[in-house]
Amino acid sequence: MRYRKLGTTGLEVSEIGFGGEWMDGTPEEALAVVRAADEVGVNILDCWMPDPTRRSNLGDALAALGAGARERWVIQGHLGSTWQNGQYVRTRDLSQVEPAFEDLLERFHTDYMDLGMIHYVDSPAEYEEATTGPFMGYVRELYAEGTVRHIGLSTHNPQIARRAALNPEIEMILFSVNPAFDMMPATENLDDYFGEVGEQSARDGMTPERAELYALCEETGTGITVMKGFMGGRLFDASQSPFGVALTPVQCIEYALTRPAVASIMIGFSASEHVAEAVVYETASPEERDYAHVLAGAPRHAYLGQCTYCGHCAPCPKGIDIASVNKFFDLATMYDEVPDSLREHYRALGATAEACVACRACEARCPFGVKIAEKMAAAAALFE
């Protein structure tokens, strides 16, 4: 298993993470899944679910792994996800939030959460409510006493994610990432992603706000963990995919993990064999990971001319990491003046855009027809 740093948290998390929402079966089934994940090196778990069954199944399974298991695992525990009268309720009401979070700690047999997630914020009004007033006061209190080691936020909306990335108190975000969602404009309605709007967006191209968000998170050190990386399985079925072609789980994982600032993708396991199927990614060949040529040949797509940082342009005869140069260039164009910190990141690449001799060998390999030599010239001028 490969591990990545989760932004400025300093936490080392496995590329393949564990989304625990399917752990509503028996305790024995949950233990089998958790044990299988632990054995292959998965070490990050997202628990947004408020119901007692899932929480107890996961918490008891981690405890059953024995001494040291809690310290090995990084847990994303959500604040604002509550269980009321047998139902999930999202709320900022502290009379519900506090006992729900205390219940989470108790069922996980722990006195802290590595990542205290401000749960599911998709509108500006929700963001204001969640990051100001009594709710945020409670989050700060938990952080100050060490009950929450780092503060995160979960959202599907890139505009809200951008606000979080600019908020120095929020170190990471749980965000929905896949090639279809990256075509979608910001919305407060998650259902928009799965209907006709989503299919039309596959023709319109990646929204600039998404590309800018990933670049911004890279710049601010805001780590990203990924949810909905498979678009609910729709990307595996050509008849349901907005692109009109099927992708594989390995290709979807590769897409998510090649976005700037992404550290881990949360995958929903419901059986131990699902863990093995997911970690196949770790030993997959470049051909098996290749999402770019699949999307480039899709009947409905609009990635033409856009760098997706897939890396097919390599190798460069001058040793330029073209994908990274493009990432820093895309970020730099967001500012009136290039920040000094960004210049340092760019210079640290070693071979930079200035080394480009416009041989255009890379352009022949790019599935999306990006005019790479022109981008290198523009980057060289911007960072001079």
Protein backbone atom coordinates (compact mmCIF):
# COMPACT_ATOMS: atom_id res chain seq x y z
CA MET A 1 0.00 0.00 0.00
CA ARG A 2 1.24 3.47 -0.84
CA TYR A 3 0.67 6.34 1.58
CA ARG A 4 0.33 10.08 1.09
CA LYS A 5 0.46 13.09 3.39
CA LEU A 6 -2.98 14.56 3.99
CA GLY A 7 -2.30 18.24 3.46
CA THR A 8 -0.95 20.16 6.42
CA THR A 9 -2.30 17.61 8.92
CA GLY A 10 0.93 15.65 8.62
CA LEU A 11 -1.09 12.43 8.71
CA GLU A 12 0.08 9.62 6.42
CA VAL A 13 -2.97 7.97 4.88
CA SER A 14 -3.38 5.04 2.53
CA GLU A 15 -4.28 5.83 -1.08
CA ILE A 16 -7.17 3.40 -0.76
CA GLY A 17 -9.46 4.41 2.07
CA PHE A 18 -12.49 2.79 3.68
CA GLY A 19 -15.94 4.33 3.45
CA GLY A 20 -17.81 2.55 6.21
CA GLU A 21 -21.43 3.21 5.23
CA TRP A 22 -22.14 -0.40 4.21
CA MET A 23 -21.26 -1.83 7.61
CA ASP A 24 -24.88 -2.37 8.66
CA GLY A 25 -24.72 -6.18 8.68
CA THR A 26 -23.57 -8.45 11.49
CA PRO A 27 -20.61 -7.68 13.76
CA GLU A 28 -18.85 -10.73 12.30
CA GLU A 29 -19.20 -9.41 8.75
CA ALA A 30 -17.89 -6.01 9.79
CA LEU A 31 -14.91 -7.55 11.54
CA ALA A 32 -14.02 -9.57 8.43
CA VAL A 33 -14.00 -6.41 6.29
CA VAL A 34 -12.06 -4.30 8.81
CA ARG A 35 -9.53 -7.08 9.31
CA ALA A 36 -9.06 -7.49 5.55
CA ALA A 37 -8.51 -3.74 5.16
CA ASP A 38 -6.05 -3.63 8.05
CA GLU A 39 -4.04 -6.56 6.68
CA VAL A 40 -3.44 -4.87 3.31
CA GLY A 41 -2.49 -1.55 4.89
CA VAL A 42 -5.67 0.51 4.54
CA ASN A 43 -5.51 2.97 7.43
CA ILE A 44 -8.14 5.67 6.91
CA LEU A 45 -11.83 5.23 7.65
CA ASP A 46 -14.72 7.61 7.10
CA CYS A 47 -17.68 7.30 9.47
CA TRP A 48 -20.38 9.82 8.64
CA MET A 49 -23.16 7.42 9.59
CA PRO A 50 -25.01 8.20 12.84
CA ASP A 51 -26.88 4.93 13.35
CA PRO A 52 -25.78 2.73 16.27
CA THR A 53 -25.37 -0.46 14.20
CA ARG A 54 -22.73 0.85 11.81
CA ARG A 55 -20.89 2.75 14.52
CA SER A 56 -20.76 -0.18 16.90
CA ASN A 57 -19.84 -2.67 14.17
CA LEU A 58 -16.90 -0.54 13.07
CA GLY A 59 -15.78 0.48 16.55
CA ASP A 60 -15.94 -3.05 17.90
CA ALA A 61 -14.11 -4.40 14.85
CA LEU A 62 -11.24 -1.94 15.29
CA ALA A 63 -11.02 -2.82 18.98
CA ALA A 64 -10.93 -6.53 18.09
CA LEU A 65 -7.79 -5.98 16.01
CA GLY A 66 -5.88 -5.63 19.25
CA ALA A 67 -3.34 -3.28 20.75
CA GLY A 68 -2.12 -0.50 18.49
CA ALA A 69 -5.00 -0.71 16.02
CA ARG A 70 -6.56 2.60 17.05
CA GLU A 71 -3.24 4.38 16.60
CA ARG A 72 -2.74 2.80 13.15
CA TRP A 73 -6.06 4.07 11.86
CA VAL A 74 -7.01 7.61 10.89
CA ILE A 75 -10.73 8.14 11.49
CA GLN A 76 -12.88 10.81 9.89
CA GLY A 77 -15.67 11.34 12.43
CA HIS A 78 -18.48 13.68 11.47
CA LEU A 79 -19.99 16.47 13.55
CA GLY A 80 -23.58 17.29 12.67
CA SER A 81 -24.68 13.82 11.61
CA THR A 82 -27.23 12.68 14.18
CA TRP A 83 -29.68 9.81 14.83
CA GLN A 84 -33.12 11.02 15.86
CA ASN A 85 -36.16 8.78 16.24
CA GLY A 86 -34.52 6.05 14.20
CA GLN A 87 -33.52 8.36 11.34
CA TYR A 88 -30.46 10.24 10.08
CA VAL A 89 -30.78 14.00 10.62
CA ARG A 90 -28.19 16.56 9.59
CA THR A 91 -28.19 19.42 12.04
CA ARG A 92 -26.08 22.16 13.70
CA ASP A 93 -28.25 22.11 16.84
CA LEU A 94 -25.80 21.46 19.66
CA SER A 95 -28.44 19.72 21.77
CA GLN A 96 -28.30 16.99 19.09
CA VAL A 97 -24.75 17.41 17.81
CA GLU A 98 -22.96 17.00 21.15
CA PRO A 99 -24.57 13.72 22.27
CA ALA A 100 -24.20 12.30 18.75
CA PHE A 101 -20.47 13.00 18.73
CA GLU A 102 -20.04 11.64 22.26
CA ASP A 103 -21.86 8.51 21.10
CA LEU A 104 -19.43 8.21 18.18
CA LEU A 105 -16.43 8.31 20.52
CA GLU A 106 -18.00 5.79 22.87
CA ARG A 107 -18.89 3.30 20.14
CA PHE A 108 -15.37 3.57 18.70
CA HIS A 109 -13.85 3.00 22.15
CA THR A 110 -11.70 6.11 21.82
CA ASP A 111 -11.31 9.56 23.30
CA TYR A 112 -10.42 11.32 20.04
CA MET A 113 -11.12 11.57 16.34
CA ASP A 114 -8.17 12.20 14.05
CA LEU A 115 -10.35 14.29 11.75
CA GLY A 116 -13.39 16.09 13.09
CA MET A 117 -15.50 16.61 9.99
CA ILE A 118 -17.97 19.48 9.75
CA HIS A 119 -20.63 17.33 8.14
CA TYR A 120 -22.16 17.86 4.69
CA VAL A 121 -22.14 21.56 3.85
CA ASP A 122 -23.41 22.29 0.34
CA SER A 123 -24.83 25.84 0.40
CA PRO A 124 -23.45 29.25 1.40
CA ALA A 125 -26.09 29.56 4.12
CA GLU A 126 -25.08 26.19 5.57
CA TYR A 127 -21.42 27.20 5.45
CA GLU A 128 -22.10 30.36 7.41
CA GLU A 129 -24.12 28.44 9.98
CA ALA A 130 -21.50 25.72 10.31
CA THR A 131 -18.41 27.93 10.56
CA THR A 132 -19.75 30.64 12.83
CA GLY A 133 -21.70 30.72 16.05
CA PRO A 134 -22.20 27.98 18.63
CA PHE A 135 -21.55 25.03 16.31
CA MET A 136 -18.08 26.22 15.33
CA GLY A 137 -17.47 27.15 18.95
CA TYR A 138 -18.03 23.50 19.86
CA VAL A 139 -15.69 22.33 17.09
CA ARG A 140 -13.00 24.72 18.35
CA GLU A 141 -13.48 23.48 21.88
CA LEU A 142 -13.01 19.86 20.77
CA TYR A 143 -9.90 20.86 18.82
CA ALA A 144 -8.40 22.81 21.73
CA GLU A 145 -8.76 19.86 24.10
CA GLY A 146 -7.44 17.34 21.58
CA THR A 147 -10.69 15.42 21.20
CA VAL A 148 -10.50 16.41 17.54
CA ARG A 149 -6.92 16.39 16.27
CA HIS A 150 -7.64 18.17 12.96
CA ILE A 151 -10.67 19.97 11.53
CA GLY A 152 -12.15 18.96 8.18
CA LEU A 153 -15.31 19.62 6.20
CA SER A 154 -17.34 17.49 3.79
CA THR A 155 -19.04 18.96 0.73
CA HIS A 156 -20.08 18.18 -2.83
CA ASN A 157 -20.05 21.83 -3.90
CA PRO A 158 -16.76 23.27 -5.26
CA GLN A 159 -17.72 26.78 -4.21
CA ILE A 160 -18.07 25.63 -0.60
CA ALA A 161 -14.89 23.57 -0.89
CA ARG A 162 -13.07 26.69 -2.07
CA ARG A 163 -14.24 28.63 0.98
CA ALA A 164 -13.06 25.79 3.18
CA ALA A 165 -9.65 25.74 1.46
CA LEU A 166 -9.27 29.44 2.22
CA ASN A 167 -10.26 28.95 5.86
CA PRO A 168 -7.08 28.46 7.93
CA GLU A 169 -8.96 26.46 10.58
CA ILE A 170 -9.98 23.78 8.08
CA GLU A 171 -7.07 21.51 7.14
CA MET A 172 -8.77 19.08 4.77
CA ILE A 173 -11.98 18.38 2.89
CA LEU A 174 -13.94 15.28 1.97
CA PHE A 175 -15.03 16.06 -1.59
CA SER A 176 -16.82 14.22 -4.39
CA VAL A 177 -14.37 13.57 -7.23
CA ASN A 178 -14.80 11.67 -10.48
CA PRO A 179 -14.50 12.59 -14.17
CA ALA A 180 -18.26 13.13 -14.52
CA PHE A 181 -18.61 15.37 -11.47
CA ASP A 182 -15.64 17.42 -12.66
CA MET A 183 -17.78 18.47 -15.62
CA MET A 184 -20.57 19.71 -13.39
CA PRO A 185 -21.11 23.33 -12.38
CA ALA A 186 -21.55 24.04 -8.69
CA THR A 187 -24.91 22.99 -7.32
CA GLU A 188 -26.60 22.72 -3.96
CA ASN A 189 -28.64 19.74 -5.17
CA LEU A 190 -26.67 16.48 -5.28
CA ASP A 191 -29.34 14.86 -7.48
CA ASP A 192 -28.32 17.19 -10.34
CA TYR A 193 -25.17 15.13 -10.81
CA PHE A 194 -27.08 12.01 -11.79
CA GLY A 195 -29.67 13.26 -14.30
CA GLU A 196 -29.85 15.01 -17.67
CA VAL A 197 -27.78 17.91 -16.35
CA GLY A 198 -24.91 15.50 -15.74
CA GLU A 199 -25.08 14.05 -19.23
CA GLN A 200 -25.11 17.50 -20.83
CA SER A 201 -22.16 18.52 -18.68
CA ALA A 202 -20.13 15.64 -20.13
CA ARG A 203 -20.31 17.55 -23.41
CA ASP A 204 -19.52 20.95 -21.94
CA GLY A 205 -16.07 20.30 -20.45
CA MET A 206 -14.42 20.48 -17.05
CA THR A 207 -15.66 23.47 -15.12
CA PRO A 208 -12.89 25.97 -14.36
CA GLU A 209 -14.00 26.18 -10.72
CA ARG A 210 -13.16 22.51 -10.18
CA ALA A 211 -9.73 22.79 -11.77
CA GLU A 212 -9.11 25.93 -9.74
CA LEU A 213 -10.27 24.23 -6.55
CA TYR A 214 -7.77 21.38 -6.88
CA ALA A 215 -4.99 23.83 -7.62
CA LEU A 216 -5.99 26.04 -4.69
CA CYS A 217 -5.96 23.09 -2.29
CA GLU A 218 -2.48 22.20 -3.53
CA GLU A 219 -1.36 25.74 -2.82
CA THR A 220 -2.96 26.10 0.61
CA GLY A 221 -2.02 22.60 1.75
CA THR A 222 -5.66 21.62 2.15
CA GLY A 223 -5.75 17.85 1.86
CA ILE A 224 -8.55 16.09 -0.01
CA THR A 225 -10.09 12.72 0.66
CA VAL A 226 -12.48 11.55 -2.03
CA MET A 227 -16.06 10.37 -1.84
CA LYS A 228 -18.31 9.19 -4.70
CA GLY A 229 -15.29 8.28 -6.80
CA PHE A 230 -17.34 5.70 -8.73
CA MET A 231 -20.42 7.95 -9.13
CA GLY A 232 -22.47 5.33 -7.34
CA GLY A 233 -21.28 2.66 -9.79
CA ARG A 234 -22.75 4.47 -12.80
CA LEU A 235 -19.33 4.96 -14.36
CA PHE A 236 -18.97 1.18 -14.65
CA ASP A 237 -21.98 0.93 -16.98
CA ALA A 238 -21.86 2.50 -20.45
CA SER A 239 -25.65 2.85 -20.48
CA GLN A 240 -25.59 4.89 -17.25
CA SER A 241 -22.31 6.76 -17.66
CA PRO A 242 -22.72 10.35 -18.90
CA PHE A 243 -19.78 9.67 -21.25
CA GLY A 244 -21.42 6.71 -22.95
CA VAL A 245 -18.50 4.40 -22.09
CA ALA A 246 -17.68 2.25 -19.08
CA LEU A 247 -14.70 2.89 -16.84
CA THR A 248 -13.20 0.33 -14.48
CA PRO A 249 -12.75 0.81 -10.71
CA VAL A 250 -8.99 1.02 -11.24
CA GLN A 251 -9.42 3.80 -13.81
CA CYS A 252 -11.74 5.75 -11.49
CA ILE A 253 -9.29 5.40 -8.62
CA GLU A 254 -6.45 6.58 -10.85
CA TYR A 255 -8.46 9.61 -11.93
CA ALA A 256 -9.20 10.62 -8.35
CA LEU A 257 -5.64 10.10 -7.14
CA THR A 258 -4.17 12.20 -9.95
CA ARG A 259 -6.12 15.31 -8.91
CA PRO A 260 -3.94 17.83 -7.09
CA ALA A 261 -4.06 17.65 -3.28
CA VAL A 262 -5.90 14.31 -3.21
CA ALA A 263 -4.48 11.90 -0.62
CA SER A 264 -7.01 9.05 -0.49
CA ILE A 265 -10.20 7.75 -2.08
CA MET A 266 -12.86 6.33 0.24
CA ILE A 267 -14.30 3.09 -1.15
CA GLY A 268 -17.41 1.48 0.28
CA PHE A 269 -16.64 -2.12 1.19
CA SER A 270 -19.44 -4.48 2.17
CA ALA A 271 -17.48 -7.75 2.04
CA SER A 272 -13.85 -8.69 2.56
CA GLU A 273 -13.42 -9.60 -1.12
CA HIS A 274 -14.26 -5.99 -2.02
CA VAL A 275 -11.11 -4.92 -0.20
CA ALA A 276 -9.00 -7.22 -2.36
CA GLU A 277 -10.73 -5.95 -5.50
CA ALA A 278 -9.95 -2.34 -4.60
CA VAL A 279 -6.30 -2.81 -3.67
CA VAL A 280 -5.67 -4.40 -7.08
CA TYR A 281 -5.07 -0.77 -8.00
CA GLU A 282 -1.78 -0.80 -6.09
CA THR A 283 -0.29 -3.33 -8.53
CA ALA A 284 -2.22 -2.36 -11.68
CA SER A 285 -0.26 -1.69 -14.86
CA PRO A 286 -0.22 1.73 -16.55
CA GLU A 287 -2.51 0.30 -19.22
CA GLU A 288 -5.01 -0.85 -16.61
CA ARG A 289 -4.97 2.57 -14.94
CA ASP A 290 -5.38 4.47 -18.18
CA TYR A 291 -8.63 6.43 -17.98
CA ALA A 292 -7.48 9.05 -20.45
CA HIS A 293 -7.72 7.04 -23.63
CA VAL A 294 -11.11 5.70 -22.60
CA LEU A 295 -12.50 9.19 -22.07
CA ALA A 296 -10.83 10.52 -25.20
CA GLY A 297 -12.65 7.89 -27.24
CA ALA A 298 -16.01 8.39 -25.54
CA PRO A 299 -18.98 9.50 -27.66
CA ARG A 300 -19.80 12.20 -25.13
CA HIS A 301 -16.91 14.11 -23.63
CA ALA A 302 -15.46 17.61 -23.75
CA TYR A 303 -12.00 17.24 -22.29
CA LEU A 304 -10.51 18.21 -25.66
CA GLY A 305 -7.71 20.70 -25.14
CA GLN A 306 -7.79 20.40 -21.33
CA CYS A 307 -4.96 18.95 -19.27
CA THR A 308 -6.27 16.33 -16.85
CA TYR A 309 -2.76 15.69 -15.39
CA CYS A 310 -2.93 12.09 -16.58
CA GLY A 311 0.79 11.98 -17.44
CA HIS A 312 0.48 10.40 -20.89
CA CYS A 313 2.61 13.24 -22.27
CA ALA A 314 5.70 11.71 -20.58
CA PRO A 315 8.54 11.15 -21.07
CA CYS A 316 9.92 14.59 -21.87
CA PRO A 317 13.40 14.55 -23.44
CA LYS A 318 14.32 17.48 -21.21
CA GLY A 319 12.98 15.84 -18.07
CA ILE A 320 10.09 18.25 -17.53
CA ASP A 321 7.28 16.99 -15.34
CA ILE A 322 4.66 18.42 -17.68
CA ALA A 323 1.64 17.50 -15.57
CA SER A 324 3.09 19.26 -12.52
CA VAL A 325 4.05 22.35 -14.51
CA ASN A 326 0.48 22.50 -15.79
CA LYS A 327 -0.89 22.15 -12.25
CA PHE A 328 1.21 25.06 -10.99
CA PHE A 329 0.41 27.13 -14.08
CA ASP A 330 -3.32 26.56 -13.64
CA LEU A 331 -3.03 27.65 -10.01
CA ALA A 332 -0.90 30.70 -10.80
CA THR A 333 -3.41 32.04 -13.31
CA MET A 334 -5.88 32.46 -10.44
CA TYR A 335 -3.79 35.29 -8.96
CA ASP A 336 -3.04 38.82 -10.09
CA GLU A 337 0.57 38.15 -9.04
CA VAL A 338 2.20 34.77 -8.65
CA PRO A 339 2.72 34.09 -4.90
CA ASP A 340 6.34 33.57 -3.83
CA SER A 341 5.44 30.21 -2.29
CA LEU A 342 4.09 29.01 -5.62
CA ARG A 343 7.24 30.14 -7.42
CA GLU A 344 9.26 28.03 -5.00
CA HIS A 345 7.11 24.97 -5.65
CA TYR A 346 7.58 25.50 -9.37
CA ARG A 347 11.35 25.97 -9.12
CA ALA A 348 11.63 22.87 -6.94
CA LEU A 349 10.56 20.78 -9.94
CA GLY A 350 14.10 21.07 -11.27
CA ALA A 351 13.45 20.96 -15.01
CA THR A 352 10.84 23.67 -15.52
CA ALA A 353 8.95 24.99 -18.53
CA GLU A 354 11.97 27.08 -19.54
CA ALA A 355 13.67 23.85 -20.63
CA CYS A 356 11.00 23.12 -23.24
CA VAL A 357 12.40 23.08 -26.79
CA ALA A 358 8.94 22.77 -28.38
CA CYS A 359 9.73 19.39 -29.93
CA ARG A 360 6.05 18.53 -29.43
CA ALA A 361 6.73 14.83 -28.92
CA CYS A 362 4.49 15.08 -25.87
CA GLU A 363 1.60 16.46 -27.90
CA ALA A 364 1.44 13.35 -30.03
CA ARG A 365 0.94 11.30 -26.89
CA CYS A 366 -1.72 13.52 -25.26
CA PRO A 367 -5.16 11.89 -25.55
CA PHE A 368 -6.92 15.24 -25.28
CA GLY A 369 -5.00 17.29 -27.83
CA VAL A 370 -3.54 19.77 -25.35
CA LYS A 371 -1.21 22.29 -27.00
CA ILE A 372 1.53 21.53 -24.53
CA ALA A 373 4.32 23.55 -26.12
CA GLU A 374 2.13 26.65 -25.95
CA LYS A 375 1.33 25.95 -22.30
CA MET A 376 5.02 25.50 -21.50
CA ALA A 377 5.81 28.84 -23.17
CA ALA A 378 3.04 30.52 -21.22
CA ALA A 379 4.27 28.95 -17.97
CA ALA A 380 7.84 30.01 -18.64
CA ALA A 381 6.69 33.59 -19.21
CA LEU A 382 4.48 33.61 -16.13
CA PHE A 383 7.13 32.26 -13.78
CA GLU A 384 10.12 34.17 -15.21
